[in-house]
Amino acid sequence: MKTITVRDDTYRRLLSLKGKRSFSDVIDELIRRDIERRVGKIIEVCSAPPSPELEDIVRRVRENFRARI
């Protein structure tokens, strides 16, 4: 078990979400929700047909990556 320090306003927001749960449970849920949101966004982006702008960005990233190898 570890001790963490948070700002007073952050503590009040966590306390309002806590109810009868532990702070660890609240924090774990918030992290899980954020991960699920990010994965959902990745799936959404990957499911959409690529735009010319995206293809250009990917091409430039790949070129820059090859230049650093």
N, C-alpha and C. Protein backbone atom coordinates (compact mmCIF):
# COMPACT_ATOMS: atom_id res chain seq x y z
N MET A 1 0.85 -1.17 0.00
CA MET A 1 0.00 0.00 0.00
C MET A 1 0.89 1.24 0.00
N LYS A 2 0.49 2.25 -0.75
CA LYS A 2 1.25 3.49 -0.87
C LYS A 2 0.37 4.67 -0.48
N THR A 3 1.00 5.75 -0.05
CA THR A 3 0.30 6.99 0.26
C THR A 3 0.56 7.97 -0.86
N ILE A 4 -0.51 8.65 -1.33
CA ILE A 4 -0.35 9.67 -2.35
C ILE A 4 -0.91 10.98 -1.82
N THR A 5 -0.47 12.07 -2.40
CA THR A 5 -0.95 13.39 -2.02
C THR A 5 -1.67 13.99 -3.22
N VAL A 6 -2.86 14.53 -2.97
CA VAL A 6 -3.62 15.19 -4.02
C VAL A 6 -4.04 16.57 -3.53
N ARG A 7 -4.32 17.45 -4.47
CA ARG A 7 -4.81 18.79 -4.10
C ARG A 7 -6.16 18.66 -3.42
N ASP A 8 -6.51 19.67 -2.64
CA ASP A 8 -7.80 19.66 -1.93
C ASP A 8 -8.98 19.55 -2.88
N ASP A 9 -8.93 20.26 -4.00
CA ASP A 9 -10.06 20.20 -4.94
C ASP A 9 -10.18 18.81 -5.57
N THR A 10 -9.06 18.17 -5.81
CA THR A 10 -9.08 16.81 -6.35
C THR A 10 -9.66 15.84 -5.31
N TYR A 11 -9.27 16.01 -4.08
CA TYR A 11 -9.80 15.18 -3.00
C TYR A 11 -11.31 15.32 -2.90
N ARG A 12 -11.81 16.55 -2.96
CA ARG A 12 -13.26 16.77 -2.87
C ARG A 12 -14.00 16.11 -4.03
N ARG A 13 -13.42 16.16 -5.24
CA ARG A 13 -14.07 15.52 -6.39
C ARG A 13 -14.07 14.00 -6.22
N LEU A 14 -12.95 13.44 -5.78
CA LEU A 14 -12.89 11.99 -5.53
C LEU A 14 -13.87 11.59 -4.42
N LEU A 15 -13.94 12.39 -3.38
CA LEU A 15 -14.85 12.10 -2.28
C LEU A 15 -16.30 12.10 -2.75
N SER A 16 -16.64 13.01 -3.67
CA SER A 16 -18.02 13.06 -4.17
C SER A 16 -18.35 11.83 -5.03
N LEU A 17 -17.34 11.21 -5.64
CA LEU A 17 -17.55 10.00 -6.45
C LEU A 17 -17.50 8.73 -5.60
N LYS A 18 -16.90 8.81 -4.45
CA LYS A 18 -16.57 7.65 -3.65
C LYS A 18 -17.78 6.88 -3.14
N GLY A 19 -18.72 7.53 -2.51
CA GLY A 19 -19.82 6.81 -1.88
C GLY A 19 -19.26 5.87 -0.82
N LYS A 20 -19.65 4.59 -0.88
CA LYS A 20 -19.17 3.60 0.10
C LYS A 20 -17.95 2.83 -0.39
N ARG A 21 -17.48 3.18 -1.60
CA ARG A 21 -16.32 2.48 -2.16
C ARG A 21 -15.03 3.06 -1.60
N SER A 22 -13.95 2.36 -1.82
CA SER A 22 -12.64 2.87 -1.41
C SER A 22 -12.13 3.85 -2.47
N PHE A 23 -11.20 4.69 -2.07
CA PHE A 23 -10.59 5.60 -3.04
C PHE A 23 -9.89 4.80 -4.14
N SER A 24 -9.28 3.68 -3.79
CA SER A 24 -8.61 2.85 -4.80
C SER A 24 -9.60 2.37 -5.84
N ASP A 25 -10.79 1.94 -5.40
CA ASP A 25 -11.81 1.49 -6.35
C ASP A 25 -12.25 2.61 -7.28
N VAL A 26 -12.41 3.81 -6.72
CA VAL A 26 -12.82 4.96 -7.54
C VAL A 26 -11.76 5.28 -8.58
N ILE A 27 -10.51 5.32 -8.15
CA ILE A 27 -9.41 5.63 -9.07
C ILE A 27 -9.28 4.55 -10.13
N ASP A 28 -9.37 3.28 -9.73
CA ASP A 28 -9.32 2.18 -10.71
C ASP A 28 -10.43 2.30 -11.75
N GLU A 29 -11.64 2.64 -11.31
CA GLU A 29 -12.75 2.79 -12.25
C GLU A 29 -12.49 3.93 -13.23
N LEU A 30 -11.98 5.05 -12.72
CA LEU A 30 -11.70 6.19 -13.60
C LEU A 30 -10.63 5.84 -14.63
N ILE A 31 -9.62 5.11 -14.21
CA ILE A 31 -8.56 4.69 -15.13
C ILE A 31 -9.12 3.74 -16.18
N ARG A 32 -9.93 2.77 -15.73
CA ARG A 32 -10.52 1.80 -16.66
C ARG A 32 -11.42 2.51 -17.68
N ARG A 33 -12.23 3.46 -17.22
CA ARG A 33 -13.10 4.21 -18.13
C ARG A 33 -12.29 4.96 -19.18
N ASP A 34 -11.18 5.56 -18.74
CA ASP A 34 -10.34 6.31 -19.67
C ASP A 34 -9.73 5.38 -20.71
N ILE A 35 -9.27 4.22 -20.27
CA ILE A 35 -8.68 3.24 -21.20
C ILE A 35 -9.74 2.78 -22.19
N GLU A 36 -10.94 2.48 -21.70
CA GLU A 36 -12.02 2.04 -22.59
C GLU A 36 -12.37 3.12 -23.60
N ARG A 37 -12.39 4.38 -23.15
CA ARG A 37 -12.68 5.50 -24.05
C ARG A 37 -11.61 5.61 -25.14
N ARG A 38 -10.35 5.47 -24.74
CA ARG A 38 -9.25 5.57 -25.71
C ARG A 38 -9.29 4.42 -26.71
N VAL A 39 -9.55 3.20 -26.22
CA VAL A 39 -9.63 2.05 -27.12
C VAL A 39 -10.80 2.24 -28.08
N GLY A 40 -11.93 2.71 -27.57
CA GLY A 40 -13.08 2.98 -28.43
C GLY A 40 -12.76 3.99 -29.51
N LYS A 41 -12.01 5.01 -29.17
CA LYS A 41 -11.63 6.04 -30.14
C LYS A 41 -10.69 5.44 -31.20
N ILE A 42 -9.75 4.61 -30.77
CA ILE A 42 -8.84 3.96 -31.72
C ILE A 42 -9.61 3.08 -32.69
N ILE A 43 -10.57 2.31 -32.16
CA ILE A 43 -11.38 1.45 -33.02
C ILE A 43 -12.18 2.30 -34.00
N GLU A 44 -12.74 3.40 -33.52
CA GLU A 44 -13.52 4.30 -34.38
C GLU A 44 -12.65 4.86 -35.51
N VAL A 45 -11.47 5.31 -35.17
CA VAL A 45 -10.57 5.89 -36.17
C VAL A 45 -10.11 4.83 -37.16
N CYS A 46 -9.81 3.64 -36.65
CA CYS A 46 -9.33 2.57 -37.53
C CYS A 46 -10.43 2.03 -38.44
N SER A 47 -11.68 2.18 -38.03
CA SER A 47 -12.80 1.68 -38.82
C SER A 47 -13.17 2.62 -39.96
N ALA A 48 -12.81 3.88 -39.81
CA ALA A 48 -13.17 4.88 -40.83
C ALA A 48 -12.22 4.77 -42.02
N PRO A 49 -12.73 5.03 -43.22
CA PRO A 49 -11.82 5.03 -44.37
C PRO A 49 -10.78 6.15 -44.20
N PRO A 50 -9.54 5.88 -44.57
CA PRO A 50 -8.49 6.89 -44.38
C PRO A 50 -8.73 8.11 -45.28
N SER A 51 -8.51 9.26 -44.70
CA SER A 51 -8.63 10.49 -45.47
C SER A 51 -7.28 10.79 -46.12
N PRO A 52 -7.26 11.61 -47.16
CA PRO A 52 -5.98 11.98 -47.77
C PRO A 52 -5.03 12.64 -46.77
N GLU A 53 -5.60 13.43 -45.84
CA GLU A 53 -4.76 14.09 -44.84
C GLU A 53 -4.08 13.07 -43.93
N LEU A 54 -4.86 12.06 -43.50
CA LEU A 54 -4.30 11.03 -42.64
C LEU A 54 -3.23 10.23 -43.37
N GLU A 55 -3.48 9.89 -44.62
CA GLU A 55 -2.49 9.15 -45.39
C GLU A 55 -1.20 9.95 -45.52
N ASP A 56 -1.32 11.28 -45.69
CA ASP A 56 -0.13 12.13 -45.77
C ASP A 56 0.63 12.15 -44.45
N ILE A 57 -0.10 12.23 -43.34
CA ILE A 57 0.55 12.23 -42.02
C ILE A 57 1.28 10.91 -41.80
N VAL A 58 0.63 9.79 -42.11
CA VAL A 58 1.26 8.48 -41.94
C VAL A 58 2.52 8.37 -42.80
N ARG A 59 2.45 8.85 -44.03
CA ARG A 59 3.60 8.80 -44.92
C ARG A 59 4.76 9.60 -44.33
N ARG A 60 4.47 10.80 -43.83
CA ARG A 60 5.54 11.64 -43.26
C ARG A 60 6.13 11.02 -41.99
N VAL A 61 5.29 10.43 -41.15
CA VAL A 61 5.79 9.77 -39.94
C VAL A 61 6.70 8.62 -40.32
N ARG A 62 6.28 7.82 -41.30
CA ARG A 62 7.10 6.68 -41.72
C ARG A 62 8.43 7.16 -42.30
N GLU A 63 8.41 8.23 -43.09
CA GLU A 63 9.66 8.76 -43.66
C GLU A 63 10.59 9.24 -42.55
N ASN A 64 10.04 9.95 -41.56
CA ASN A 64 10.86 10.43 -40.45
C ASN A 64 11.40 9.28 -39.62
N PHE A 65 10.62 8.24 -39.44
CA PHE A 65 11.06 7.08 -38.68
C PHE A 65 12.22 6.39 -39.40
N ARG A 66 12.09 6.23 -40.69
CA ARG A 66 13.18 5.58 -41.46
C ARG A 66 14.44 6.40 -41.41
N ALA A 67 14.31 7.72 -41.37
CA ALA A 67 15.49 8.59 -41.34
C ALA A 67 16.26 8.46 -40.04
N ARG A 68 15.58 8.05 -38.98
CA ARG A 68 16.23 7.94 -37.66
C ARG A 68 16.82 6.56 -37.40
N ILE A 69 16.56 5.60 -38.24
CA ILE A 69 17.07 4.24 -38.00
C ILE A 69 18.54 4.16 -38.32
